[in-house]
Amino acid sequence: MTREAAILRLLGDTVVPAPTLVAVDATATYCDHPSLLMSRLPGPYAWTIRVPTVAPSRWPGNWRVSIGCR
């Protein structure tokens, strides 16, 4: 989490389009889990959601619904 925050800080002074770091709680002091909050970049986005075709009751423990942005 701290590495991601440091990279966003470094990219802030460059011409590379990157979100602005708003806040980071790497040790989960204030949030239930380590958290990083950043701004949203302008432009279109498309969400993809992949759900296994097997009934959830039959999912192995390591299967999760995958949500991504392209």
C-alpha atoms as a PDB file:
ATOM      1  CA  MET A   1       0.000   0.000   0.000  1.00  0.00           C
ATOM      2  CA  THR A   2       2.784   2.435   0.813  1.00  0.00           C
ATOM      3  CA  ARG A   3       4.542   1.562  -2.442  1.00  0.00           C
ATOM      4  CA  GLU A   4       1.424   2.433  -4.463  1.00  0.00           C
ATOM      5  CA  ALA A   5       1.050   5.705  -2.562  1.00  0.00           C
ATOM      6  CA  ALA A   6       4.693   6.602  -3.173  1.00  0.00           C
ATOM      7  CA  ILE A   7       4.359   5.898  -6.902  1.00  0.00           C
ATOM      8  CA  LEU A   8       1.221   8.051  -7.168  1.00  0.00           C
ATOM      9  CA  ARG A   9       3.068  10.871  -5.382  1.00  0.00           C
ATOM     10  CA  LEU A  10       6.003  10.565  -7.807  1.00  0.00           C
ATOM     11  CA  LEU A  11       3.734  10.527 -10.854  1.00  0.00           C
ATOM     12  CA  GLY A  12       1.988  13.682  -9.650  1.00  0.00           C
ATOM     13  CA  ASP A  13       4.891  15.834 -10.882  1.00  0.00           C
ATOM     14  CA  THR A  14       5.123  14.225 -14.321  1.00  0.00           C
ATOM     15  CA  VAL A  15       3.195  14.389 -17.594  1.00  0.00           C
ATOM     16  CA  VAL A  16       2.035  10.792 -17.125  1.00  0.00           C
ATOM     17  CA  PRO A  17      -1.738  10.728 -16.600  1.00  0.00           C
ATOM     18  CA  ALA A  18      -2.203   9.230 -13.150  1.00  0.00           C
ATOM     19  CA  PRO A  19      -4.796   9.594 -10.392  1.00  0.00           C
ATOM     20  CA  THR A  20      -4.052  11.987  -7.549  1.00  0.00           C
ATOM     21  CA  LEU A  21      -3.457  10.403  -4.172  1.00  0.00           C
ATOM     22  CA  VAL A  22      -6.129  11.609  -1.742  1.00  0.00           C
ATOM     23  CA  ALA A  23      -5.379   9.499   1.343  1.00  0.00           C
ATOM     24  CA  VAL A  24      -3.689   6.292   2.418  1.00  0.00           C
ATOM     25  CA  ASP A  25      -4.169   4.151   5.516  1.00  0.00           C
ATOM     26  CA  ALA A  26      -1.540   1.471   4.969  1.00  0.00           C
ATOM     27  CA  THR A  27      -1.705   0.078   8.502  1.00  0.00           C
ATOM     28  CA  ALA A  28      -5.522   0.008   8.800  1.00  0.00           C
ATOM     29  CA  THR A  29      -5.399   2.489  11.671  1.00  0.00           C
ATOM     30  CA  TYR A  30      -8.594   4.254  10.586  1.00  0.00           C
ATOM     31  CA  CYS A  31     -10.204   1.705   8.239  1.00  0.00           C
ATOM     32  CA  ASP A  32     -10.998  -1.980   8.696  1.00  0.00           C
ATOM     33  CA  HIS A  33      -8.439  -2.863   6.021  1.00  0.00           C
ATOM     34  CA  PRO A  34      -5.409  -1.142   4.495  1.00  0.00           C
ATOM     35  CA  SER A  35      -6.884   1.442   2.119  1.00  0.00           C
ATOM     36  CA  LEU A  36      -5.816   3.822  -0.612  1.00  0.00           C
ATOM     37  CA  LEU A  37      -8.104   6.568  -1.935  1.00  0.00           C
ATOM     38  CA  MET A  38      -7.315   8.248  -5.241  1.00  0.00           C
ATOM     39  CA  SER A  39      -9.011  10.527  -7.731  1.00  0.00           C
ATOM     40  CA  ARG A  40     -10.638   9.293 -10.921  1.00  0.00           C
ATOM     41  CA  LEU A  41      -9.057  10.000 -14.290  1.00  0.00           C
ATOM     42  CA  PRO A  42     -11.348  11.561 -16.897  1.00  0.00           C
ATOM     43  CA  GLY A  43     -12.405   9.513 -19.877  1.00  0.00           C
ATOM     44  CA  PRO A  44     -14.534   6.535 -20.801  1.00  0.00           C
ATOM     45  CA  TYR A  45     -14.340   3.247 -19.007  1.00  0.00           C
ATOM     46  CA  ALA A  46     -15.846  -0.182 -19.544  1.00  0.00           C
ATOM     47  CA  TRP A  47     -16.505  -2.641 -16.737  1.00  0.00           C
ATOM     48  CA  THR A  48     -16.212  -6.368 -17.227  1.00  0.00           C
ATOM     49  CA  ILE A  49     -17.687  -8.808 -14.759  1.00  0.00           C
ATOM     50  CA  ARG A  50     -16.878 -12.500 -14.925  1.00  0.00           C
ATOM     51  CA  VAL A  51     -18.949 -14.854 -12.841  1.00  0.00           C
ATOM     52  CA  PRO A  52     -18.198 -18.586 -12.769  1.00  0.00           C
ATOM     53  CA  THR A  53     -20.919 -20.666 -14.445  1.00  0.00           C
ATOM     54  CA  VAL A  54     -20.928 -23.143 -11.544  1.00  0.00           C
ATOM     55  CA  ALA A  55     -23.434 -22.621  -8.714  1.00  0.00           C
ATOM     56  CA  PRO A  56     -21.865 -20.622  -5.828  1.00  0.00           C
ATOM     57  CA  SER A  57     -22.442 -23.509  -3.418  1.00  0.00           C
ATOM     58  CA  ARG A  58     -20.028 -25.571  -5.552  1.00  0.00           C
ATOM     59  CA  TRP A  59     -17.286 -22.925  -5.840  1.00  0.00           C
ATOM     60  CA  PRO A  60     -13.894 -23.943  -4.474  1.00  0.00           C
ATOM     61  CA  GLY A  61     -12.734 -21.696  -1.631  1.00  0.00           C
ATOM     62  CA  ASN A  62     -10.354 -19.748  -3.867  1.00  0.00           C
ATOM     63  CA  TRP A  63     -12.955 -18.765  -6.535  1.00  0.00           C
ATOM     64  CA  ARG A  64     -14.218 -15.214  -6.463  1.00  0.00           C
ATOM     65  CA  VAL A  65     -16.262 -13.035  -8.752  1.00  0.00           C
ATOM     66  CA  SER A  66     -13.759 -11.102 -10.866  1.00  0.00           C
ATOM     67  CA  ILE A  67     -14.493  -7.423 -11.497  1.00  0.00           C
ATOM     68  CA  GLY A  68     -12.107  -5.454 -13.659  1.00  0.00           C
ATOM     69  CA  CYS A  69     -11.872  -2.283 -15.657  1.00  0.00           C
ATOM     70  CA  ARG A  70     -10.386  -2.042 -19.116  1.00  0.00           C
END
